[in-house]
């Protein structure tokens, strides 16, 4: 590991960036350096612009992928290398705005019913009913489910923040059904995450 990469990782850890964000940033900076065959500290705004043109015209990178590279390079040059030139030299890609496809209530019900595996259905319904990310759903513990207040505690979710989301009666019934049938040794959707024991409110 080069001293520059180690310093960048340390800077990210100090700022409490999520592990997945750290991996993405390191990967994007490494690909930037590999493209020019030089250490990033020898490169500047002109090379960054050239690399962005390469990503859009030759790699056909999506706006999301391009912005991942932008965020990584902004962090590297603004924080780790403390460059004085304007960070605006690394512009973000504008994402196109499209209307989402909204399913009707019957379509949603049929979709859920088409999932034969109870565990998988519970995961999908939990994500749909609460708006949680998949990683947040998989990290849920029994103690996070408050059936008295009908709330779910999300611990250290996006941005390393705790928050609460509403728990619907339908979702609670499904989680209890899954718990009765599965009874995993340590519990829950992700092995080793949920402690064993009955769901609250039983």
C-alpha atoms as a PDB file:
ATOM      1  CA  UNK A   1       0.000   0.000   0.000  1.00  0.00           C
ATOM      2  CA  UNK A   2       1.399   3.373  -0.999  1.00  0.00           C
ATOM      3  CA  UNK A   3       1.790   6.156   1.590  1.00  0.00           C
ATOM      4  CA  UNK A   4      -0.780   8.269  -0.306  1.00  0.00           C
ATOM      5  CA  UNK A   5      -3.406   5.518  -0.253  1.00  0.00           C
ATOM      6  CA  UNK A   6      -2.785   4.898   3.435  1.00  0.00           C
ATOM      7  CA  UNK A   7      -3.144   8.599   4.206  1.00  0.00           C
ATOM      8  CA  UNK A   8      -6.392   8.820   2.238  1.00  0.00           C
ATOM      9  CA  UNK A   9      -7.803   5.818   4.085  1.00  0.00           C
ATOM     10  CA  UNK A  10      -6.818   7.385   7.396  1.00  0.00           C
ATOM     11  CA  UNK A  11      -8.513  10.650   6.364  1.00  0.00           C
ATOM     12  CA  UNK A  12     -11.689   8.754   5.505  1.00  0.00           C
ATOM     13  CA  UNK A  13     -11.658   6.848   8.774  1.00  0.00           C
ATOM     14  CA  UNK A  14     -11.146  10.018  10.781  1.00  0.00           C
ATOM     15  CA  UNK A  15     -14.226  11.469   9.087  1.00  0.00           C
ATOM     16  CA  UNK A  16     -16.167   8.266   9.791  1.00  0.00           C
ATOM     17  CA  UNK A  17     -16.960   7.458   6.172  1.00  0.00           C
ATOM     18  CA  UNK A  18     -18.768   4.146   5.745  1.00  0.00           C
ATOM     19  CA  UNK A  19     -16.520   1.158   4.917  1.00  0.00           C
ATOM     20  CA  UNK A  20     -18.244   0.685   1.550  1.00  0.00           C
ATOM     21  CA  UNK A  21     -17.676   4.365   0.694  1.00  0.00           C
ATOM     22  CA  UNK A  22     -14.009   3.983   1.591  1.00  0.00           C
ATOM     23  CA  UNK A  23     -13.662   0.977  -0.720  1.00  0.00           C
ATOM     24  CA  UNK A  24     -15.348   2.808  -3.588  1.00  0.00           C
ATOM     25  CA  UNK A  25     -13.196   5.928  -3.179  1.00  0.00           C
ATOM     26  CA  UNK A  26      -9.965   3.929  -3.068  1.00  0.00           C
ATOM     27  CA  UNK A  27     -10.996   1.939  -6.140  1.00  0.00           C
ATOM     28  CA  UNK A  28     -11.938   5.047  -8.135  1.00  0.00           C
ATOM     29  CA  UNK A  29      -8.705   6.844  -7.305  1.00  0.00           C
ATOM     30  CA  UNK A  30      -6.697   3.726  -8.179  1.00  0.00           C
ATOM     31  CA  UNK A  31      -8.370   3.533 -11.596  1.00  0.00           C
ATOM     32  CA  UNK A  32      -7.675   7.240 -12.169  1.00  0.00           C
ATOM     33  CA  UNK A  33      -3.991   6.746 -11.367  1.00  0.00           C
ATOM     34  CA  UNK A  34      -3.786   3.596 -13.511  1.00  0.00           C
ATOM     35  CA  UNK A  35      -5.228   5.429 -16.514  1.00  0.00           C
ATOM     36  CA  UNK A  36      -2.325   7.898 -16.507  1.00  0.00           C
ATOM     37  CA  UNK A  37       0.279   5.535 -15.069  1.00  0.00           C
ATOM     38  CA  UNK A  38       1.198   8.126 -12.442  1.00  0.00           C
ATOM     39  CA  UNK A  39       0.593   8.857  -8.801  1.00  0.00           C
ATOM     40  CA  UNK A  40      -2.426  11.178  -8.308  1.00  0.00           C
ATOM     41  CA  UNK A  41      -0.260  13.759  -6.556  1.00  0.00           C
ATOM     42  CA  UNK A  42       1.489  14.328  -9.911  1.00  0.00           C
ATOM     43  CA  UNK A  43      -1.818  14.968 -11.670  1.00  0.00           C
ATOM     44  CA  UNK A  44      -4.104  17.997 -11.651  1.00  0.00           C
ATOM     45  CA  UNK A  45      -7.235  19.644 -13.079  1.00  0.00           C
ATOM     46  CA  UNK A  46      -6.354  19.020 -16.729  1.00  0.00           C
ATOM     47  CA  UNK A  47      -5.820  15.300 -16.169  1.00  0.00           C
ATOM     48  CA  UNK A  48      -9.046  15.105 -14.171  1.00  0.00           C
ATOM     49  CA  UNK A  49     -10.950  16.711 -17.046  1.00  0.00           C
ATOM     50  CA  UNK A  50      -9.341  14.306 -19.520  1.00  0.00           C
ATOM     51  CA  UNK A  51     -10.313  11.372 -17.332  1.00  0.00           C
ATOM     52  CA  UNK A  52     -13.917  12.544 -17.066  1.00  0.00           C
ATOM     53  CA  UNK A  53     -14.103  12.856 -20.857  1.00  0.00           C
ATOM     54  CA  UNK A  54     -12.696   9.326 -21.120  1.00  0.00           C
ATOM     55  CA  UNK A  55     -15.305   7.948 -18.701  1.00  0.00           C
ATOM     56  CA  UNK A  56     -18.197   9.570 -20.558  1.00  0.00           C
ATOM     57  CA  UNK A  57     -17.118   9.060 -24.182  1.00  0.00           C
ATOM     58  CA  UNK A  58     -15.233   5.766 -24.122  1.00  0.00           C
ATOM     59  CA  UNK A  59     -16.462   3.937 -21.022  1.00  0.00           C
ATOM     60  CA  UNK A  60     -20.031   5.212 -21.349  1.00  0.00           C
ATOM     61  CA  UNK A  61     -20.124   5.626 -17.580  1.00  0.00           C
ATOM     62  CA  UNK A  62     -23.515   6.359 -16.056  1.00  0.00           C
ATOM     63  CA  UNK A  63     -24.012   9.623 -14.158  1.00  0.00           C
ATOM     64  CA  UNK A  64     -23.890   7.647 -10.890  1.00  0.00           C
ATOM     65  CA  UNK A  65     -20.616   5.954 -11.778  1.00  0.00           C
ATOM     66  CA  UNK A  66     -19.129   9.246 -12.953  1.00  0.00           C
ATOM     67  CA  UNK A  67     -20.152  10.971  -9.726  1.00  0.00           C
ATOM     68  CA  UNK A  68     -18.540   8.219  -7.659  1.00  0.00           C
ATOM     69  CA  UNK A  69     -15.253   9.063  -9.356  1.00  0.00           C
ATOM     70  CA  UNK A  70     -15.892  12.789  -8.829  1.00  0.00           C
ATOM     71  CA  UNK A  71     -16.551  12.328  -5.106  1.00  0.00           C
ATOM     72  CA  UNK A  72     -13.439  10.203  -4.698  1.00  0.00           C
ATOM     73  CA  UNK A  73     -11.207  12.693  -6.529  1.00  0.00           C
ATOM     74  CA  UNK A  74     -12.713  15.663  -4.694  1.00  0.00           C
ATOM     75  CA  UNK A  75     -11.954  13.978  -1.384  1.00  0.00           C
ATOM     76  CA  UNK A  76      -8.416  13.094  -2.432  1.00  0.00           C
ATOM     77  CA  UNK A  77      -7.468  16.551  -3.696  1.00  0.00           C
ATOM     78  CA  UNK A  78      -9.438  18.642  -1.205  1.00  0.00           C
ATOM     79  CA  UNK A  79      -8.756  16.676   1.984  1.00  0.00           C
ATOM     80  CA  UNK A  80      -5.784  14.357   1.593  1.00  0.00           C
ATOM     81  CA  UNK A  81      -3.644  16.446  -0.764  1.00  0.00           C
ATOM     82  CA  UNK A  82      -5.059  19.819   0.369  1.00  0.00           C
ATOM     83  CA  UNK A  83      -4.765  21.371  -3.087  1.00  0.00           C
ATOM     84  CA  UNK A  84      -5.435  25.088  -3.337  1.00  0.00           C
ATOM     85  CA  UNK A  85      -6.940  25.073  -6.843  1.00  0.00           C
ATOM     86  CA  UNK A  86     -10.707  25.279  -6.987  1.00  0.00           C
ATOM     87  CA  UNK A  87     -12.470  21.986  -6.398  1.00  0.00           C
ATOM     88  CA  UNK A  88     -15.090  23.189  -8.904  1.00  0.00           C
ATOM     89  CA  UNK A  89     -12.630  21.985 -11.525  1.00  0.00           C
ATOM     90  CA  UNK A  90     -14.074  18.543 -10.774  1.00  0.00           C
ATOM     91  CA  UNK A  91     -17.746  18.982 -11.761  1.00  0.00           C
ATOM     92  CA  UNK A  92     -20.520  16.524 -10.987  1.00  0.00           C
ATOM     93  CA  UNK A  93     -22.523  14.857 -13.724  1.00  0.00           C
ATOM     94  CA  UNK A  94     -26.147  15.925 -13.962  1.00  0.00           C
ATOM     95  CA  UNK A  95     -28.494  12.998 -13.484  1.00  0.00           C
ATOM     96  CA  UNK A  96     -31.546  12.839 -15.749  1.00  0.00           C
ATOM     97  CA  UNK A  97     -34.844  13.046 -13.903  1.00  0.00           C
ATOM     98  CA  UNK A  98     -37.448  10.498 -14.856  1.00  0.00           C
ATOM     99  CA  UNK A  99     -40.810   9.636 -13.385  1.00  0.00           C
ATOM    100  CA  UNK A 100     -40.805   6.378 -11.389  1.00  0.00           C
ATOM    101  CA  UNK A 101     -42.972   3.428 -12.348  1.00  0.00           C
ATOM    102  CA  UNK A 102     -45.616   3.193  -9.627  1.00  0.00           C
ATOM    103  CA  UNK A 103     -47.338  -0.166  -9.125  1.00  0.00           C
ATOM    104  CA  UNK A 104     -50.945  -0.366  -8.057  1.00  0.00           C
ATOM    105  CA  UNK A 105     -51.966  -1.958  -4.756  1.00  0.00           C
ATOM    106  CA  UNK A 106     -53.091  -5.186  -6.455  1.00  0.00           C
ATOM    107  CA  UNK A 107     -49.859  -5.372  -8.459  1.00  0.00           C
ATOM    108  CA  UNK A 108     -47.792  -4.970  -5.316  1.00  0.00           C
ATOM    109  CA  UNK A 109     -49.814  -7.669  -3.526  1.00  0.00           C
ATOM    110  CA  UNK A 110     -49.410 -10.093  -6.423  1.00  0.00           C
ATOM    111  CA  UNK A 111     -45.682  -9.404  -6.544  1.00  0.00           C
ATOM    112  CA  UNK A 112     -45.254 -10.200  -2.854  1.00  0.00           C
ATOM    113  CA  UNK A 113     -47.401 -13.325  -3.139  1.00  0.00           C
ATOM    114  CA  UNK A 114     -45.238 -14.555  -6.015  1.00  0.00           C
ATOM    115  CA  UNK A 115     -42.219 -14.856  -3.693  1.00  0.00           C
ATOM    116  CA  UNK A 116     -42.464 -18.444  -2.377  1.00  0.00           C
ATOM    117  CA  UNK A 117     -39.622 -18.246   0.136  1.00  0.00           C
ATOM    118  CA  UNK A 118     -40.940 -16.711   3.366  1.00  0.00           C
ATOM    119  CA  UNK A 119     -37.569 -15.268   4.351  1.00  0.00           C
ATOM    120  CA  UNK A 120     -37.113 -13.575   0.987  1.00  0.00           C
ATOM    121  CA  UNK A 121     -40.670 -12.272   1.081  1.00  0.00           C
ATOM    122  CA  UNK A 122     -40.133 -10.847   4.570  1.00  0.00           C
ATOM    123  CA  UNK A 123     -36.973  -9.085   3.407  1.00  0.00           C
ATOM    124  CA  UNK A 124     -38.668  -7.544   0.354  1.00  0.00           C
ATOM    125  CA  UNK A 125     -41.796  -6.522   2.255  1.00  0.00           C
ATOM    126  CA  UNK A 126     -39.711  -4.992   5.064  1.00  0.00           C
ATOM    127  CA  UNK A 127     -37.723  -2.927   2.571  1.00  0.00           C
ATOM    128  CA  UNK A 128     -40.910  -1.847   0.759  1.00  0.00           C
ATOM    129  CA  UNK A 129     -42.951  -1.037   3.870  1.00  0.00           C
ATOM    130  CA  UNK A 130     -40.210   0.870   5.689  1.00  0.00           C
ATOM    131  CA  UNK A 131     -38.037   2.353   2.929  1.00  0.00           C
ATOM    132  CA  UNK A 132     -34.964   0.688   4.441  1.00  0.00           C
ATOM    133  CA  UNK A 133     -31.942  -0.164   2.348  1.00  0.00           C
ATOM    134  CA  UNK A 134     -31.173  -3.853   1.862  1.00  0.00           C
ATOM    135  CA  UNK A 135     -28.118  -3.616   4.112  1.00  0.00           C
ATOM    136  CA  UNK A 136     -30.272  -2.011   6.818  1.00  0.00           C
ATOM    137  CA  UNK A 137     -32.898  -4.751   6.546  1.00  0.00           C
ATOM    138  CA  UNK A 138     -30.265  -7.467   6.813  1.00  0.00           C
ATOM    139  CA  UNK A 139     -28.797  -5.800   9.903  1.00  0.00           C
ATOM    140  CA  UNK A 140     -32.071  -5.677  11.851  1.00  0.00           C
ATOM    141  CA  UNK A 141     -32.166  -7.328  15.272  1.00  0.00           C
ATOM    142  CA  UNK A 142     -35.130  -8.472  17.298  1.00  0.00           C
ATOM    143  CA  UNK A 143     -34.451  -5.709  19.799  1.00  0.00           C
ATOM    144  CA  UNK A 144     -34.906  -3.162  16.971  1.00  0.00           C
ATOM    145  CA  UNK A 145     -38.577  -4.128  16.590  1.00  0.00           C
ATOM    146  CA  UNK A 146     -40.780  -2.236  19.042  1.00  0.00           C
ATOM    147  CA  UNK A 147     -44.249  -3.742  18.686  1.00  0.00           C
ATOM    148  CA  UNK A 148     -45.678  -1.604  21.492  1.00  0.00           C
ATOM    149  CA  UNK A 149     -44.897   1.699  19.813  1.00  0.00           C
ATOM    150  CA  UNK A 150     -45.037   0.110  16.335  1.00  0.00           C
ATOM    151  CA  UNK A 151     -41.589   1.414  15.436  1.00  0.00           C
ATOM    152  CA  UNK A 152     -38.389  -0.079  14.028  1.00  0.00           C
ATOM    153  CA  UNK A 153     -35.065   1.285  15.179  1.00  0.00           C
ATOM    154  CA  UNK A 154     -32.458   1.547  12.428  1.00  0.00           C
ATOM    155  CA  UNK A 155     -29.044   1.589  14.034  1.00  0.00           C
ATOM    156  CA  UNK A 156     -26.123   3.243  12.228  1.00  0.00           C
ATOM    157  CA  UNK A 157     -27.871   3.406   8.860  1.00  0.00           C
ATOM    158  CA  UNK A 158     -27.039   5.771   5.992  1.00  0.00           C
ATOM    159  CA  UNK A 159     -24.546   8.388   7.151  1.00  0.00           C
ATOM    160  CA  UNK A 160     -23.851   6.377  10.328  1.00  0.00           C
ATOM    161  CA  UNK A 161     -27.038   7.744  11.909  1.00  0.00           C
ATOM    162  CA  UNK A 162     -29.688   6.062  14.056  1.00  0.00           C
ATOM    163  CA  UNK A 163     -33.335   6.643  13.174  1.00  0.00           C
ATOM    164  CA  UNK A 164     -36.831   5.230  13.640  1.00  0.00           C
ATOM    165  CA  UNK A 165     -39.311   4.120  10.971  1.00  0.00           C
ATOM    166  CA  UNK A 166     -42.952   3.109  11.284  1.00  0.00           C
ATOM    167  CA  UNK A 167     -43.893  -0.554  11.723  1.00  0.00           C
ATOM    168  CA  UNK A 168     -47.196  -1.514  10.120  1.00  0.00           C
ATOM    169  CA  UNK A 169     -49.432  -4.225  11.622  1.00  0.00           C
ATOM    170  CA  UNK A 170     -49.179  -6.216   8.369  1.00  0.00           C
ATOM    171  CA  UNK A 171     -45.383  -6.162   8.466  1.00  0.00           C
ATOM    172  CA  UNK A 172     -45.324  -7.111  12.150  1.00  0.00           C
ATOM    173  CA  UNK A 173     -47.579 -10.101  11.417  1.00  0.00           C
ATOM    174  CA  UNK A 174     -45.293 -11.190   8.579  1.00  0.00           C
ATOM    175  CA  UNK A 175     -42.165 -10.879  10.742  1.00  0.00           C
ATOM    176  CA  UNK A 176     -43.820 -12.940  13.456  1.00  0.00           C
ATOM    177  CA  UNK A 177     -44.834 -15.581  10.918  1.00  0.00           C
ATOM    178  CA  UNK A 178     -41.262 -15.749   9.646  1.00  0.00           C
ATOM    179  CA  UNK A 179     -39.941 -16.010  13.207  1.00  0.00           C
ATOM    180  CA  UNK A 180     -42.320 -18.882  14.078  1.00  0.00           C
ATOM    181  CA  UNK A 181     -41.319 -20.935  11.037  1.00  0.00           C
ATOM    182  CA  UNK A 182     -37.619 -20.125  10.705  1.00  0.00           C
ATOM    183  CA  UNK A 183     -36.521 -19.945  14.332  1.00  0.00           C
ATOM    184  CA  UNK A 184     -32.884 -19.472  13.230  1.00  0.00           C
ATOM    185  CA  UNK A 185     -30.249 -20.228  15.859  1.00  0.00           C
ATOM    186  CA  UNK A 186     -29.169 -16.605  16.019  1.00  0.00           C
ATOM    187  CA  UNK A 187     -32.225 -15.227  14.315  1.00  0.00           C
ATOM    188  CA  UNK A 188     -33.215 -12.889  11.552  1.00  0.00           C
ATOM    189  CA  UNK A 189     -32.446 -12.338   7.917  1.00  0.00           C
ATOM    190  CA  UNK A 190     -28.658 -12.248   8.141  1.00  0.00           C
ATOM    191  CA  UNK A 191     -26.925 -15.068  10.091  1.00  0.00           C
ATOM    192  CA  UNK A 192     -25.335 -13.842  13.268  1.00  0.00           C
ATOM    193  CA  UNK A 193     -27.156 -10.524  13.372  1.00  0.00           C
ATOM    194  CA  UNK A 194     -30.363 -11.167  15.289  1.00  0.00           C
ATOM    195  CA  UNK A 195     -30.177 -12.574  18.814  1.00  0.00           C
ATOM    196  CA  UNK A 196     -32.312 -15.626  19.511  1.00  0.00           C
ATOM    197  CA  UNK A 197     -35.634 -15.127  21.284  1.00  0.00           C
ATOM    198  CA  UNK A 198     -39.265 -14.326  20.566  1.00  0.00           C
ATOM    199  CA  UNK A 199     -40.309 -11.201  18.753  1.00  0.00           C
ATOM    200  CA  UNK A 200     -41.338  -8.368  21.098  1.00  0.00           C
ATOM    201  CA  UNK A 201     -45.019  -8.386  21.827  1.00  0.00           C
ATOM    202  CA  UNK A 202     -45.337 -12.170  21.845  1.00  0.00           C
END
